[in-house]
Amino acid sequence: MVNKNEVRDFLISRRGNITPAQAGIPDFGTERRVPGLRREEVALLAGVSLDYYTRLERGNIRGASEGVLGAVATALQLDDIERAHLFDLARNAPAVTARPRKVKSDQVRSSVQRVLNNLSVPAIVHNVQQDLIGANLLGRALYTMHFESDRPSMARFIFLDPRAEEFYVDWPLARRLTAAMLRLQAGRDPLNADLTSLIGELSNRSLRFRKDWGRQDVHAHRFGQKQFLHPQVGVLDLTFDAFEVQGESGLTIVTYTAEENSETADKLKLLGSWARTQESPEAQEAPAPASQIRLGEMSPFTAPSGQK
């Protein structure tokens, strides 16, 4: 996934975002042929030669020192996530031909599922390509439309399912952040075959994704606010927090909470009641152990072991 074009497009896009005034460079009123900074201005700010910076921007970034990368990041006024992405691109720039590899991240271990089951708030687990591979009852209820698919996926739902435009109250923002998160992961792990396949699929099937992907933005989803229009309970104003699953490469638990005594808190109680009514009688009589259940093979509201 990381190639010379990837490096070039990222650096050019960031260079185009910085005006001379923002960089503290005098503007003498001359007409500028490019948006943002010129290459020579970035080179001057970074303290490297124009020839060297030009080679970096053309994708010849492998072997660049941390000092040089840091200076370029400072000159382009990159934030922490963008800076990390630049370092990822340099670290993963190809030196020899390498084969894509499969990354096993399609299920959660039983102990993690037990943690999910004992949470009183909606919780999901996703991998780097945003497949939903674990959830508790409330988490599946929150993402009920996603779990209708044999391959529950936030990325595919956002870009390929027409219902996403209503479910995500700020759908354009959800799209842009999703593309930015995938780009960040692609820079970190360019040989992840599943991630590469997903990006190719979305590029082929979604004009919206191609446009959002082309922005060259990167983003790490750590905490914040989300607003959903749920088909059963209406608008939900939720705070999300993301936690990496230790010992499981690329897996993240995301929890969703609401302010106490808020309208959304009451709606979450309604959501839980509704979810429990969707449980099949068979599942209530003899629930299967969570470690033996594959989400794609069960009803979205089949209760895992320990969930009542």
C-alpha atoms as a PDB file:
ATOM      1  CA  MET A   1       0.000   0.000   0.000  1.00  0.00           C
ATOM      2  CA  VAL A   2       2.814   2.434   0.798  1.00  0.00           C
ATOM      3  CA  ASN A   3       4.496   3.522  -2.427  1.00  0.00           C
ATOM      4  CA  LYS A   4       6.068   6.653  -3.858  1.00  0.00           C
ATOM      5  CA  ASN A   5       2.700   8.052  -4.915  1.00  0.00           C
ATOM      6  CA  GLU A   6       1.382   7.690  -1.373  1.00  0.00           C
ATOM      7  CA  VAL A   7       4.285   9.697   0.035  1.00  0.00           C
ATOM      8  CA  ARG A   8       4.125  12.289  -2.731  1.00  0.00           C
ATOM      9  CA  ASP A   9       0.375  12.855  -2.439  1.00  0.00           C
ATOM     10  CA  PHE A  10       0.518  13.187   1.345  1.00  0.00           C
ATOM     11  CA  LEU A  11       3.355  15.724   1.350  1.00  0.00           C
ATOM     12  CA  ILE A  12       1.845  17.757  -1.488  1.00  0.00           C
ATOM     13  CA  SER A  13      -1.551  17.828   0.221  1.00  0.00           C
ATOM     14  CA  ARG A  14      -0.055  19.014   3.516  1.00  0.00           C
ATOM     15  CA  ARG A  15       2.097  21.593   1.748  1.00  0.00           C
ATOM     16  CA  GLY A  16      -1.004  22.932   0.062  1.00  0.00           C
ATOM     17  CA  ASN A  17      -2.706  23.427   3.427  1.00  0.00           C
ATOM     18  CA  ILE A  18      -0.142  25.933   4.769  1.00  0.00           C
ATOM     19  CA  THR A  19      -0.228  29.551   3.651  1.00  0.00           C
ATOM     20  CA  PRO A  20       2.907  31.718   3.677  1.00  0.00           C
ATOM     21  CA  ALA A  21       1.318  33.816   6.422  1.00  0.00           C
ATOM     22  CA  GLN A  22       0.787  30.734   8.595  1.00  0.00           C
ATOM     23  CA  ALA A  23       4.413  29.737   8.037  1.00  0.00           C
ATOM     24  CA  GLY A  24       5.686  33.241   8.825  1.00  0.00           C
ATOM     25  CA  ILE A  25       6.965  33.814   5.283  1.00  0.00           C
ATOM     26  CA  PRO A  26       6.594  37.366   3.891  1.00  0.00           C
ATOM     27  CA  ASP A  27       4.126  37.655   1.040  1.00  0.00           C
ATOM     28  CA  PHE A  28       5.273  40.328  -1.396  1.00  0.00           C
ATOM     29  CA  GLY A  29       2.071  40.207  -3.406  1.00  0.00           C
ATOM     30  CA  THR A  30       3.495  38.182  -6.284  1.00  0.00           C
ATOM     31  CA  GLU A  31       1.164  35.728  -7.962  1.00  0.00           C
ATOM     32  CA  ARG A  32       1.609  32.176  -6.670  1.00  0.00           C
ATOM     33  CA  ARG A  33       1.171  29.268  -9.075  1.00  0.00           C
ATOM     34  CA  VAL A  34       0.574  26.687  -6.351  1.00  0.00           C
ATOM     35  CA  PRO A  35      -1.720  26.704  -3.308  1.00  0.00           C
ATOM     36  CA  GLY A  36       0.063  26.839  -0.016  1.00  0.00           C
ATOM     37  CA  LEU A  37       3.832  26.715   0.256  1.00  0.00           C
ATOM     38  CA  ARG A  38       6.337  26.188  -2.540  1.00  0.00           C
ATOM     39  CA  ARG A  39       8.813  23.310  -2.293  1.00  0.00           C
ATOM     40  CA  GLU A  40      11.709  25.702  -1.758  1.00  0.00           C
ATOM     41  CA  GLU A  41       9.854  27.327   1.130  1.00  0.00           C
ATOM     42  CA  VAL A  42       9.314  23.981   2.856  1.00  0.00           C
ATOM     43  CA  ALA A  43      12.973  23.113   2.306  1.00  0.00           C
ATOM     44  CA  LEU A  44      14.025  26.457   3.820  1.00  0.00           C
ATOM     45  CA  LEU A  45      11.759  25.993   6.852  1.00  0.00           C
ATOM     46  CA  ALA A  46      12.965  22.407   7.352  1.00  0.00           C
ATOM     47  CA  GLY A  47      16.640  23.322   6.972  1.00  0.00           C
ATOM     48  CA  VAL A  48      17.308  20.927   4.083  1.00  0.00           C
ATOM     49  CA  SER A  49      18.321  21.531   0.495  1.00  0.00           C
ATOM     50  CA  LEU A  50      15.673  21.977  -2.182  1.00  0.00           C
ATOM     51  CA  ASP A  51      17.076  18.954  -4.014  1.00  0.00           C
ATOM     52  CA  TYR A  52      16.778  16.767  -0.932  1.00  0.00           C
ATOM     53  CA  TYR A  53      13.230  17.856  -0.140  1.00  0.00           C
ATOM     54  CA  THR A  54      12.239  17.373  -3.779  1.00  0.00           C
ATOM     55  CA  ARG A  55      13.490  13.776  -3.592  1.00  0.00           C
ATOM     56  CA  LEU A  56      11.454  13.250  -0.427  1.00  0.00           C
ATOM     57  CA  GLU A  57       8.319  14.619  -2.047  1.00  0.00           C
ATOM     58  CA  ARG A  58       8.851  12.362  -5.046  1.00  0.00           C
ATOM     59  CA  GLY A  59       8.607   9.402  -2.699  1.00  0.00           C
ATOM     60  CA  ASN A  60      12.286   8.662  -2.054  1.00  0.00           C
ATOM     61  CA  ILE A  61      11.739   8.792   1.692  1.00  0.00           C
ATOM     62  CA  ARG A  62      13.197   5.499   2.880  1.00  0.00           C
ATOM     63  CA  GLY A  63      16.300   6.090   4.956  1.00  0.00           C
ATOM     64  CA  ALA A  64      15.442   9.676   5.865  1.00  0.00           C
ATOM     65  CA  SER A  65      16.588  10.376   9.413  1.00  0.00           C
ATOM     66  CA  GLU A  66      14.199  11.087  12.259  1.00  0.00           C
ATOM     67  CA  GLY A  67      15.673  14.567  12.499  1.00  0.00           C
ATOM     68  CA  VAL A  68      14.886  15.349   8.878  1.00  0.00           C
ATOM     69  CA  LEU A  69      11.390  13.867   9.104  1.00  0.00           C
ATOM     70  CA  GLY A  70      10.752  15.839  12.274  1.00  0.00           C
ATOM     71  CA  ALA A  71      11.942  19.046  10.641  1.00  0.00           C
ATOM     72  CA  VAL A  72       9.689  18.480   7.615  1.00  0.00           C
ATOM     73  CA  ALA A  73       6.752  17.703   9.909  1.00  0.00           C
ATOM     74  CA  THR A  74       7.376  20.952  11.799  1.00  0.00           C
ATOM     75  CA  ALA A  75       7.693  22.955   8.599  1.00  0.00           C
ATOM     76  CA  LEU A  76       4.368  21.546   7.358  1.00  0.00           C
ATOM     77  CA  GLN A  77       2.788  22.129  10.796  1.00  0.00           C
ATOM     78  CA  LEU A  78       1.618  18.507  11.031  1.00  0.00           C
ATOM     79  CA  ASP A  79      -0.372  17.498  14.077  1.00  0.00           C
ATOM     80  CA  ASP A  80       0.623  14.462  16.163  1.00  0.00           C
ATOM     81  CA  ILE A  81      -1.374  12.004  14.043  1.00  0.00           C
ATOM     82  CA  GLU A  82      -0.082  13.399  10.746  1.00  0.00           C
ATOM     83  CA  ARG A  83       3.488  13.387  12.080  1.00  0.00           C
ATOM     84  CA  ALA A  84       3.146   9.731  13.105  1.00  0.00           C
ATOM     85  CA  HIS A  85       1.737   8.940   9.659  1.00  0.00           C
ATOM     86  CA  LEU A  86       4.738  10.556   7.960  1.00  0.00           C
ATOM     87  CA  PHE A  87       7.083   8.423  10.069  1.00  0.00           C
ATOM     88  CA  ASP A  88       5.008   5.329   9.229  1.00  0.00           C
ATOM     89  CA  LEU A  89       5.318   6.087   5.516  1.00  0.00           C
ATOM     90  CA  ALA A  90       9.084   6.403   5.843  1.00  0.00           C
ATOM     91  CA  ARG A  91       9.410   3.240   7.911  1.00  0.00           C
ATOM     92  CA  ASN A  92       7.245   1.196   5.548  1.00  0.00           C
ATOM     93  CA  ALA A  93       8.589   2.568   2.271  1.00  0.00           C
ATOM     94  CA  PRO A  94       9.506  -0.488   0.181  1.00  0.00           C
ATOM     95  CA  ALA A  95      13.129  -1.527  -0.122  1.00  0.00           C
ATOM     96  CA  VAL A  96      12.476  -4.994  -1.523  1.00  0.00           C
ATOM     97  CA  THR A  97       9.413  -6.724  -2.878  1.00  0.00           C
ATOM     98  CA  ALA A  98       7.267  -7.940  -0.009  1.00  0.00           C
ATOM     99  CA  ARG A  99       4.155 -10.072  -0.157  1.00  0.00           C
ATOM    100  CA  PRO A 100       0.879  -8.986   1.430  1.00  0.00           C
ATOM    101  CA  ARG A 101      -0.030 -11.041   4.488  1.00  0.00           C
ATOM    102  CA  LYS A 102      -3.221 -12.014   6.225  1.00  0.00           C
ATOM    103  CA  VAL A 103      -3.708 -10.629   9.723  1.00  0.00           C
ATOM    104  CA  LYS A 104      -5.795 -12.841  11.991  1.00  0.00           C
ATOM    105  CA  SER A 105      -8.254 -10.480  13.647  1.00  0.00           C
ATOM    106  CA  ASP A 106     -11.708 -11.912  13.021  1.00  0.00           C
ATOM    107  CA  GLN A 107     -12.753 -12.896  16.529  1.00  0.00           C
ATOM    108  CA  VAL A 108     -12.243 -11.952  20.165  1.00  0.00           C
ATOM    109  CA  ARG A 109     -11.074 -14.289  22.870  1.00  0.00           C
ATOM    110  CA  SER A 110     -13.663 -15.542  25.334  1.00  0.00           C
ATOM    111  CA  SER A 111     -12.301 -13.484  28.239  1.00  0.00           C
ATOM    112  CA  VAL A 112     -12.754 -10.265  26.242  1.00  0.00           C
ATOM    113  CA  GLN A 113     -16.305 -11.319  25.346  1.00  0.00           C
ATOM    114  CA  ARG A 114     -17.027 -11.838  29.049  1.00  0.00           C
ATOM    115  CA  VAL A 115     -15.860  -8.276  29.720  1.00  0.00           C
ATOM    116  CA  LEU A 116     -18.220  -7.016  27.027  1.00  0.00           C
ATOM    117  CA  ASN A 117     -21.115  -9.027  28.431  1.00  0.00           C
ATOM    118  CA  ASN A 118     -20.651  -7.497  31.869  1.00  0.00           C
ATOM    119  CA  LEU A 119     -20.650  -3.897  30.668  1.00  0.00           C
ATOM    120  CA  SER A 120     -23.887  -1.995  31.173  1.00  0.00           C
ATOM    121  CA  VAL A 121     -23.245   0.312  28.207  1.00  0.00           C
ATOM    122  CA  PRO A 122     -23.077  -0.411  24.460  1.00  0.00           C
ATOM    123  CA  ALA A 123     -19.698  -1.855  23.518  1.00  0.00           C
ATOM    124  CA  ILE A 124     -18.235  -3.218  20.308  1.00  0.00           C
ATOM    125  CA  VAL A 125     -14.887  -4.615  19.143  1.00  0.00           C
ATOM    126  CA  HIS A 126     -13.471  -3.836  15.714  1.00  0.00           C
ATOM    127  CA  ASN A 127     -10.236  -4.571  13.867  1.00  0.00           C
ATOM    128  CA  VAL A 128      -8.114  -2.173  11.800  1.00  0.00           C
ATOM    129  CA  GLN A 129     -10.360  -2.501   8.747  1.00  0.00           C
ATOM    130  CA  GLN A 130     -13.355  -1.743  11.000  1.00  0.00           C
ATOM    131  CA  ASP A 131     -15.016  -5.150  10.844  1.00  0.00           C
ATOM    132  CA  LEU A 132     -17.327  -5.557  13.841  1.00  0.00           C
ATOM    133  CA  ILE A 133     -16.049  -8.783  15.354  1.00  0.00           C
ATOM    134  CA  GLY A 134     -17.457  -8.535  18.881  1.00  0.00           C
ATOM    135  CA  ALA A 135     -20.198  -6.790  20.817  1.00  0.00           C
ATOM    136  CA  ASN A 136     -22.438  -7.043  23.834  1.00  0.00           C
ATOM    137  CA  LEU A 137     -26.215  -7.030  23.574  1.00  0.00           C
ATOM    138  CA  LEU A 138     -26.472  -3.225  23.670  1.00  0.00           C
ATOM    139  CA  GLY A 139     -23.622  -2.847  21.195  1.00  0.00           C
ATOM    140  CA  ARG A 140     -25.379  -5.076  18.682  1.00  0.00           C
ATOM    141  CA  ALA A 141     -28.613  -3.198  19.317  1.00  0.00           C
ATOM    142  CA  LEU A 142     -26.904   0.136  18.658  1.00  0.00           C
ATOM    143  CA  TYR A 143     -25.397  -1.148  15.407  1.00  0.00           C
ATOM    144  CA  THR A 144     -28.373  -3.350  14.526  1.00  0.00           C
ATOM    145  CA  MET A 145     -28.347  -2.473  10.813  1.00  0.00           C
ATOM    146  CA  HIS A 146     -24.623  -3.220  10.545  1.00  0.00           C
ATOM    147  CA  PHE A 147     -25.126  -6.689  12.014  1.00  0.00           C
ATOM    148  CA  GLU A 148     -27.686  -7.565   9.373  1.00  0.00           C
ATOM    149  CA  SER A 149     -24.721  -8.266   7.094  1.00  0.00           C
ATOM    150  CA  ASP A 150     -22.795 -11.529   7.050  1.00  0.00           C
ATOM    151  CA  ARG A 151     -19.697  -9.333   7.335  1.00  0.00           C
ATOM    152  CA  PRO A 152     -20.609  -6.578   9.828  1.00  0.00           C
ATOM    153  CA  SER A 153     -18.423  -3.607   8.926  1.00  0.00           C
ATOM    154  CA  MET A 154     -18.590   0.041   9.858  1.00  0.00           C
ATOM    155  CA  ALA A 155     -16.589   1.087   6.788  1.00  0.00           C
ATOM    156  CA  ARG A 156     -18.726  -0.842   4.315  1.00  0.00           C
ATOM    157  CA  PHE A 157     -21.944   0.343   5.949  1.00  0.00           C
ATOM    158  CA  ILE A 158     -20.889   3.996   5.913  1.00  0.00           C
ATOM    159  CA  PHE A 159     -19.893   4.013   2.247  1.00  0.00           C
ATOM    160  CA  LEU A 160     -22.030   1.300   0.657  1.00  0.00           C
ATOM    161  CA  ASP A 161     -25.330   1.172   2.566  1.00  0.00           C
ATOM    162  CA  PRO A 162     -27.798   3.963   1.687  1.00  0.00           C
ATOM    163  CA  ARG A 163     -29.204   3.860   5.237  1.00  0.00           C
ATOM    164  CA  ALA A 164     -25.917   5.256   6.590  1.00  0.00           C
ATOM    165  CA  GLU A 165     -26.821   8.768   5.486  1.00  0.00           C
ATOM    166  CA  GLU A 166     -29.656   8.828   8.042  1.00  0.00           C
ATOM    167  CA  PHE A 167     -28.104   6.650  10.760  1.00  0.00           C
ATOM    168  CA  TYR A 168     -25.043   8.896  11.109  1.00  0.00           C
ATOM    169  CA  VAL A 169     -26.455  12.353  11.822  1.00  0.00           C
ATOM    170  CA  ASP A 170     -23.264  13.965  10.461  1.00  0.00           C
ATOM    171  CA  TRP A 171     -22.709  11.481   7.655  1.00  0.00           C
ATOM    172  CA  PRO A 172     -20.127  13.564   5.726  1.00  0.00           C
ATOM    173  CA  LEU A 173     -17.967  13.787   8.853  1.00  0.00           C
ATOM    174  CA  ALA A 174     -18.374  10.058   9.534  1.00  0.00           C
ATOM    175  CA  ARG A 175     -17.249   9.332   5.983  1.00  0.00           C
ATOM    176  CA  ARG A 176     -14.217  11.605   6.111  1.00  0.00           C
ATOM    177  CA  LEU A 177     -13.053  10.269   9.469  1.00  0.00           C
ATOM    178  CA  THR A 178     -13.532   6.672   8.360  1.00  0.00           C
ATOM    179  CA  ALA A 179     -11.397   7.216   5.255  1.00  0.00           C
ATOM    180  CA  ALA A 180      -8.799   9.038   7.379  1.00  0.00           C
ATOM    181  CA  MET A 181      -8.652   6.164   9.893  1.00  0.00           C
ATOM    182  CA  LEU A 182      -8.184   3.615   7.106  1.00  0.00           C
ATOM    183  CA  ARG A 183      -5.388   5.724   5.599  1.00  0.00           C
ATOM    184  CA  LEU A 184      -3.647   5.919   8.980  1.00  0.00           C
ATOM    185  CA  GLN A 185      -3.818   2.121   9.355  1.00  0.00           C
ATOM    186  CA  ALA A 186      -2.627   1.588   5.774  1.00  0.00           C
ATOM    187  CA  GLY A 187       0.460   3.638   6.550  1.00  0.00           C
ATOM    188  CA  ARG A 188       1.111   1.626   9.697  1.00  0.00           C
ATOM    189  CA  ASP A 189       0.599  -1.798   8.117  1.00  0.00           C
ATOM    190  CA  PRO A 190       0.898  -1.605   4.315  1.00  0.00           C
ATOM    191  CA  LEU A 191       1.133  -5.388   3.913  1.00  0.00           C
ATOM    192  CA  ASN A 192      -2.206  -6.123   5.604  1.00  0.00           C
ATOM    193  CA  ALA A 193      -3.963  -7.963   2.768  1.00  0.00           C
ATOM    194  CA  ASP A 194      -7.466  -7.596   4.221  1.00  0.00           C
ATOM    195  CA  LEU A 195      -7.046  -3.849   4.689  1.00  0.00           C
ATOM    196  CA  THR A 196      -5.653  -3.439   1.181  1.00  0.00           C
ATOM    197  CA  SER A 197      -8.570  -5.465  -0.206  1.00  0.00           C
ATOM    198  CA  LEU A 198     -11.114  -3.321   1.658  1.00  0.00           C
ATOM    199  CA  ILE A 199      -9.600  -0.076   0.374  1.00  0.00           C
ATOM    200  CA  GLY A 200      -9.663  -1.463  -3.156  1.00  0.00           C
ATOM    201  CA  GLU A 201     -13.275  -2.579  -2.788  1.00  0.00           C
ATOM    202  CA  LEU A 202     -14.439   0.789  -1.464  1.00  0.00           C
ATOM    203  CA  SER A 203     -12.474   2.628  -4.151  1.00  0.00           C
ATOM    204  CA  ASN A 204     -14.185   0.592  -6.860  1.00  0.00           C
ATOM    205  CA  ARG A 205     -17.692   0.793  -5.420  1.00  0.00           C
ATOM    206  CA  SER A 206     -17.943   4.255  -3.865  1.00  0.00           C
ATOM    207  CA  LEU A 207     -17.309   7.622  -5.476  1.00  0.00           C
ATOM    208  CA  ARG A 208     -17.700   9.180  -2.018  1.00  0.00           C
ATOM    209  CA  PHE A 209     -14.876   7.022  -0.694  1.00  0.00           C
ATOM    210  CA  ARG A 210     -12.591   7.931  -3.593  1.00  0.00           C
ATOM    211  CA  LYS A 211     -13.143  11.619  -2.866  1.00  0.00           C
ATOM    212  CA  ASP A 212     -12.681  11.266   0.904  1.00  0.00           C
ATOM    213  CA  TRP A 213      -9.636   9.013   0.421  1.00  0.00           C
ATOM    214  CA  GLY A 214      -8.128  11.576  -1.910  1.00  0.00           C
ATOM    215  CA  ARG A 215      -8.112  14.203   0.849  1.00  0.00           C
ATOM    216  CA  GLN A 216      -5.005  12.482   2.285  1.00  0.00           C
ATOM    217  CA  ASP A 217      -6.278  13.043   5.837  1.00  0.00           C
ATOM    218  CA  VAL A 218      -5.270  10.761   8.706  1.00  0.00           C
ATOM    219  CA  HIS A 219      -7.137  10.335  11.968  1.00  0.00           C
ATOM    220  CA  ALA A 220      -6.974   8.269  15.164  1.00  0.00           C
ATOM    221  CA  HIS A 221     -10.353   7.628  16.784  1.00  0.00           C
ATOM    222  CA  ARG A 222      -9.677   7.768  20.530  1.00  0.00           C
ATOM    223  CA  PHE A 223     -12.608   9.542  22.179  1.00  0.00           C
ATOM    224  CA  GLY A 224     -15.273  12.057  21.314  1.00  0.00           C
ATOM    225  CA  GLN A 225     -18.951  12.572  20.584  1.00  0.00           C
ATOM    226  CA  LYS A 226     -21.178  10.746  18.124  1.00  0.00           C
ATOM    227  CA  GLN A 227     -24.763  11.294  17.186  1.00  0.00           C
ATOM    228  CA  PHE A 228     -26.885   8.513  15.715  1.00  0.00           C
ATOM    229  CA  LEU A 229     -30.455   8.419  14.459  1.00  0.00           C
ATOM    230  CA  HIS A 230     -31.437   4.935  15.612  1.00  0.00           C
ATOM    231  CA  PRO A 231     -34.449   3.391  13.832  1.00  0.00           C
ATOM    232  CA  GLN A 232     -36.011   2.242  17.134  1.00  0.00           C
ATOM    233  CA  VAL A 233     -35.286   4.984  19.671  1.00  0.00           C
ATOM    234  CA  GLY A 234     -34.435   8.107  17.666  1.00  0.00           C
ATOM    235  CA  VAL A 235     -31.490  10.464  18.123  1.00  0.00           C
ATOM    236  CA  LEU A 236     -28.730   9.317  20.497  1.00  0.00           C
ATOM    237  CA  ASP A 237     -26.045  11.746  21.704  1.00  0.00           C
ATOM    238  CA  LEU A 238     -23.217   9.510  22.886  1.00  0.00           C
ATOM    239  CA  THR A 239     -19.665   9.818  24.133  1.00  0.00           C
ATOM    240  CA  PHE A 240     -17.317   7.151  22.796  1.00  0.00           C
ATOM    241  CA  ASP A 241     -14.021   5.939  24.235  1.00  0.00           C
ATOM    242  CA  ALA A 242     -11.672   3.553  22.444  1.00  0.00           C
ATOM    243  CA  PHE A 243      -9.394   1.051  24.216  1.00  0.00           C
ATOM    244  CA  GLU A 244      -6.819  -1.169  22.532  1.00  0.00           C
ATOM    245  CA  VAL A 245      -7.180  -4.869  23.376  1.00  0.00           C
ATOM    246  CA  GLN A 246      -3.884  -5.929  24.900  1.00  0.00           C
ATOM    247  CA  GLY A 247      -2.445  -9.105  23.419  1.00  0.00           C
ATOM    248  CA  GLU A 248      -4.629  -8.860  20.293  1.00  0.00           C
ATOM    249  CA  SER A 249      -2.992  -7.019  17.426  1.00  0.00           C
ATOM    250  CA  GLY A 250      -5.199  -4.337  15.919  1.00  0.00           C
ATOM    251  CA  LEU A 251      -8.328  -4.944  18.006  1.00  0.00           C
ATOM    252  CA  THR A 252     -10.111  -2.055  19.707  1.00  0.00           C
ATOM    253  CA  ILE A 253     -12.985  -1.952  22.196  1.00  0.00           C
ATOM    254  CA  VAL A 254     -15.263   1.062  21.829  1.00  0.00           C
ATOM    255  CA  THR A 255     -17.778   1.960  24.530  1.00  0.00           C
ATOM    256  CA  TYR A 256     -20.676   4.403  24.241  1.00  0.00           C
ATOM    257  CA  THR A 257     -22.035   6.308  27.230  1.00  0.00           C
ATOM    258  CA  ALA A 258     -24.557   9.073  27.881  1.00  0.00           C
ATOM    259  CA  GLU A 259     -24.807  11.763  30.521  1.00  0.00           C
ATOM    260  CA  GLU A 260     -26.728  10.608  33.595  1.00  0.00           C
ATOM    261  CA  ASN A 261     -30.424  11.524  33.652  1.00  0.00           C
ATOM    262  CA  SER A 262     -30.220  12.716  30.054  1.00  0.00           C
ATOM    263  CA  GLU A 263     -32.731  11.979  27.325  1.00  0.00           C
ATOM    264  CA  THR A 264     -30.182   9.710  25.642  1.00  0.00           C
ATOM    265  CA  ALA A 265     -29.664   7.765  28.888  1.00  0.00           C
ATOM    266  CA  ASP A 266     -33.395   7.043  28.966  1.00  0.00           C
ATOM    267  CA  LYS A 267     -33.287   6.033  25.310  1.00  0.00           C
ATOM    268  CA  LEU A 268     -30.460   3.578  26.006  1.00  0.00           C
ATOM    269  CA  LYS A 269     -32.699   1.877  28.564  1.00  0.00           C
ATOM    270  CA  LEU A 270     -35.406   1.632  25.912  1.00  0.00           C
ATOM    271  CA  LEU A 271     -32.842   0.269  23.474  1.00  0.00           C
ATOM    272  CA  GLY A 272     -31.851  -2.432  25.955  1.00  0.00           C
ATOM    273  CA  SER A 273     -35.489  -3.407  26.499  1.00  0.00           C
ATOM    274  CA  TRP A 274     -36.061  -3.566  22.763  1.00  0.00           C
ATOM    275  CA  ALA A 275     -32.915  -5.655  22.241  1.00  0.00           C
ATOM    276  CA  ARG A 276     -34.030  -8.206  24.818  1.00  0.00           C
ATOM    277  CA  THR A 277     -37.356  -8.640  23.018  1.00  0.00           C
ATOM    278  CA  GLN A 278     -35.432  -9.620  19.896  1.00  0.00           C
ATOM    279  CA  GLU A 279     -33.759 -12.581  21.570  1.00  0.00           C
ATOM    280  CA  SER A 280     -34.932 -15.912  20.239  1.00  0.00           C
ATOM    281  CA  PRO A 281     -36.583 -18.346  22.702  1.00  0.00           C
ATOM    282  CA  GLU A 282     -33.937 -20.926  21.822  1.00  0.00           C
ATOM    283  CA  ALA A 283     -31.153 -18.548  22.799  1.00  0.00           C
ATOM    284  CA  GLN A 284     -32.853 -17.768  26.126  1.00  0.00           C
ATOM    285  CA  GLU A 285     -33.203 -21.472  26.965  1.00  0.00           C
ATOM    286  CA  ALA A 286     -29.710 -22.606  26.023  1.00  0.00           C
ATOM    287  CA  PRO A 287     -27.306 -19.805  25.151  1.00  0.00           C
ATOM    288  CA  ALA A 288     -24.133 -20.955  23.410  1.00  0.00           C
ATOM    289  CA  PRO A 289     -20.714 -20.055  24.839  1.00  0.00           C
ATOM    290  CA  ALA A 290     -19.478 -16.782  23.365  1.00  0.00           C
ATOM    291  CA  SER A 291     -16.189 -18.376  22.325  1.00  0.00           C
ATOM    292  CA  GLN A 292     -18.112 -20.743  20.039  1.00  0.00           C
ATOM    293  CA  ILE A 293     -20.230 -18.076  18.355  1.00  0.00           C
ATOM    294  CA  ARG A 294     -19.259 -16.333  15.145  1.00  0.00           C
ATOM    295  CA  LEU A 295     -21.096 -13.030  14.840  1.00  0.00           C
ATOM    296  CA  GLY A 296     -21.784 -13.551  11.172  1.00  0.00           C
ATOM    297  CA  GLU A 297     -23.522 -16.871  11.929  1.00  0.00           C
ATOM    298  CA  MET A 298     -25.959 -15.710  14.591  1.00  0.00           C
ATOM    299  CA  SER A 299     -28.922 -13.428  14.914  1.00  0.00           C
ATOM    300  CA  PRO A 300     -27.827  -9.881  15.769  1.00  0.00           C
ATOM    301  CA  PHE A 301     -29.540 -10.195  19.137  1.00  0.00           C
ATOM    302  CA  THR A 302     -28.683 -13.728  20.201  1.00  0.00           C
ATOM    303  CA  ALA A 303     -27.475 -13.376  23.778  1.00  0.00           C
ATOM    304  CA  PRO A 304     -23.902 -14.566  24.378  1.00  0.00           C
ATOM    305  CA  SER A 305     -23.129 -16.628  27.443  1.00  0.00           C
ATOM    306  CA  GLY A 306     -23.634 -14.641  30.636  1.00  0.00           C
ATOM    307  CA  GLN A 307     -25.804 -11.919  29.074  1.00  0.00           C
ATOM    308  CA  LYS A 308     -29.320 -11.730  30.532  1.00  0.00           C
END
